[in-house]
Amino acid sequence: MKRFTFILISLSALFVFAFTSCGDTITEVQQVVQPNTLTRTYTVGTSDWSTGSDDVGPYLFCAFREPALTSTIFNNGTMTAYLRFSNGNLSPLPFSDFWVDQNGYQYEEYVTCEFEPGWVTFIFKADDQFLAPTFDYEFLVRFMW
């Protein structure tokens, strides 16, 4: 009886192994979807800034109409803004830096960016409330969706 059981189990195992060959394996196919990207460059000259004010004090802003920034991109994508320096280096916004004026007074300037569908707005604040950028700013914005 033991021999009969052993033969039956061996045949069952052989049957299962034979009919579950490698040719029947299912492979999972992963579809790689590349995101759409769009990069824009914006230049803000010293005279392009407009004046605004909030609870902290005055600030400067410059708004650009951007039809490519749709509600879909705004709600489901990403928007990343950078300040481009004259040497070509990029710094992500918000950007903060300290400056020392001719009298030795140190102050901080803060540059950031806000987005809403159809608009990109750059904002400049200085902690001494002296709002007079002395050079043009170049910004790079990357939209991805």
Protein backbone atom coordinates (compact mmCIF):
# COMPACT_ATOMS: atom_id res chain seq x y z
CA MET A 1 0.00 0.00 0.00
CA LYS A 2 2.88 2.36 0.80
CA ARG A 3 4.38 1.69 -2.61
CA PHE A 4 1.05 2.42 -4.33
CA THR A 5 0.65 5.71 -2.43
CA PHE A 6 4.25 6.73 -3.23
CA ILE A 7 3.72 6.00 -6.95
CA LEU A 8 0.42 7.91 -6.98
CA ILE A 9 2.00 10.96 -5.31
CA SER A 10 5.00 10.83 -7.62
CA LEU A 11 2.80 10.64 -10.71
CA SER A 12 0.65 13.52 -9.45
CA ALA A 13 3.74 15.68 -8.88
CA LEU A 14 5.06 14.79 -12.32
CA PHE A 15 1.69 15.63 -13.88
CA VAL A 16 1.52 19.02 -12.16
CA PHE A 17 5.14 19.84 -13.10
CA ALA A 18 4.69 18.75 -16.73
CA PHE A 19 1.57 20.83 -17.34
CA THR A 20 2.79 23.98 -15.62
CA SER A 21 5.80 24.61 -17.80
CA CYS A 22 7.64 27.90 -18.19
CA GLY A 23 5.96 28.55 -21.53
CA ASP A 24 2.72 29.32 -19.73
CA THR A 25 4.08 31.96 -17.36
CA ILE A 26 2.41 35.35 -17.45
CA THR A 27 4.68 38.34 -17.42
CA GLU A 28 3.51 41.72 -16.22
CA VAL A 29 4.03 44.46 -18.76
CA GLN A 30 4.77 47.86 -17.28
CA GLN A 31 3.92 50.80 -19.44
CA VAL A 32 6.28 53.70 -18.94
CA VAL A 33 4.54 57.00 -19.47
CA GLN A 34 6.78 60.00 -20.03
CA PRO A 35 5.43 63.19 -18.48
CA ASN A 36 4.83 66.24 -20.59
CA THR A 37 7.09 69.17 -19.74
CA LEU A 38 7.22 72.80 -20.73
CA THR A 39 9.93 75.25 -19.71
CA ARG A 40 9.50 79.01 -19.90
CA THR A 41 11.91 81.85 -19.18
CA TYR A 42 10.71 85.17 -17.76
CA THR A 43 12.79 88.33 -17.40
CA VAL A 44 11.80 91.05 -14.95
CA GLY A 45 13.55 94.36 -15.49
CA THR A 46 14.06 96.92 -12.74
CA SER A 47 11.13 98.99 -14.02
CA ASP A 48 8.78 96.03 -14.56
CA TRP A 49 7.91 95.55 -10.88
CA SER A 50 4.59 96.75 -9.48
CA THR A 51 4.07 97.67 -5.82
CA GLY A 52 1.83 95.73 -3.46
CA SER A 53 1.34 95.54 0.29
CA ASP A 54 0.33 92.92 2.83
CA ASP A 55 0.32 92.61 6.65
CA VAL A 56 4.12 92.46 6.71
CA GLY A 57 4.65 95.53 4.57
CA PRO A 58 5.28 96.51 0.97
CA TYR A 59 6.55 94.17 -1.70
CA LEU A 60 7.13 94.16 -5.44
CA PHE A 61 5.51 91.78 -7.89
CA CYS A 62 5.47 91.09 -11.60
CA ALA A 63 2.68 88.96 -13.09
CA PHE A 64 2.93 87.20 -16.45
CA ARG A 65 -0.05 85.89 -18.38
CA GLU A 66 0.69 82.22 -19.08
CA PRO A 67 -1.98 80.47 -21.18
CA ALA A 68 -0.04 77.18 -21.05
CA LEU A 69 -0.72 76.96 -17.30
CA THR A 70 -4.15 75.38 -17.55
CA SER A 71 -6.38 74.28 -14.69
CA THR A 72 -5.41 70.67 -15.45
CA ILE A 73 -1.70 71.40 -15.07
CA PHE A 74 -2.35 73.57 -12.00
CA ASN A 75 -4.48 70.90 -10.28
CA ASN A 76 -2.67 67.73 -11.38
CA GLY A 77 0.83 68.73 -12.44
CA THR A 78 3.84 70.44 -10.91
CA MET A 79 5.24 73.91 -11.36
CA THR A 80 8.83 74.57 -10.31
CA ALA A 81 10.43 78.03 -10.48
CA TYR A 82 14.12 78.93 -10.44
CA LEU A 83 16.14 82.12 -10.27
CA ARG A 84 18.86 82.12 -12.93
CA PHE A 85 22.07 83.91 -12.02
CA SER A 86 24.27 85.75 -14.51
CA ASN A 87 26.72 82.81 -14.51
CA GLY A 88 23.90 80.46 -15.61
CA ASN A 89 23.44 78.72 -12.25
CA LEU A 90 19.89 78.05 -11.07
CA SER A 91 18.48 78.34 -7.55
CA PRO A 92 14.99 77.04 -6.79
CA LEU A 93 12.45 79.52 -5.48
CA PRO A 94 11.86 80.68 -2.87
CA PHE A 95 15.29 82.28 -2.85
CA SER A 96 16.74 84.26 0.04
CA ASP A 97 20.06 86.07 0.23
CA PHE A 98 21.82 88.64 2.40
CA TRP A 99 23.31 91.83 1.03
CA VAL A 100 25.47 94.52 2.59
CA ASP A 101 24.93 98.10 1.43
CA GLN A 102 27.53 100.86 1.14
CA ASN A 103 27.00 101.80 4.83
CA GLY A 104 27.67 98.25 6.03
CA TYR A 105 24.01 97.56 6.78
CA GLN A 106 23.07 93.92 6.10
CA TYR A 107 19.61 93.16 4.78
CA GLU A 108 17.83 90.19 3.30
CA GLU A 109 15.96 89.95 0.05
CA TYR A 110 13.43 87.26 -0.59
CA VAL A 111 12.18 86.21 -4.04
CA THR A 112 9.35 83.75 -4.58
CA CYS A 113 6.78 82.71 -7.16
CA GLU A 114 3.04 82.08 -7.08
CA PHE A 115 0.95 80.20 -9.60
CA GLU A 116 -2.69 80.23 -10.58
CA PRO A 117 -4.28 78.98 -13.79
CA GLY A 118 -3.20 81.32 -16.57
CA TRP A 119 -0.75 83.33 -14.44
CA VAL A 120 2.79 83.21 -13.04
CA THR A 121 3.65 85.92 -10.49
CA PHE A 122 7.11 86.69 -9.11
CA ILE A 123 7.37 88.47 -5.75
CA PHE A 124 10.29 90.43 -4.30
CA LYS A 125 10.53 91.43 -0.62
CA ALA A 126 13.34 93.05 1.31
CA ASP A 127 13.48 92.99 5.12
CA ASP A 128 14.43 96.66 5.32
CA GLN A 129 11.34 97.58 3.24
CA PHE A 130 13.61 99.31 0.71
CA LEU A 131 12.20 97.98 -2.52
CA ALA A 132 14.55 98.89 -5.32
CA PRO A 133 16.08 95.95 -7.21
CA THR A 134 19.12 97.28 -9.02
CA PHE A 135 19.37 94.60 -11.71
CA ASP A 136 17.15 92.47 -13.93
CA TYR A 137 15.97 89.10 -12.69
CA GLU A 138 15.70 86.08 -14.95
CA PHE A 139 13.44 83.21 -13.91
CA LEU A 140 12.98 79.76 -15.36
CA VAL A 141 9.72 77.87 -14.73
CA ARG A 142 9.16 74.20 -15.53
CA PHE A 143 5.65 72.80 -15.85
CA MET A 144 5.20 69.03 -15.77
CA TRP A 145 1.99 67.05 -16.17
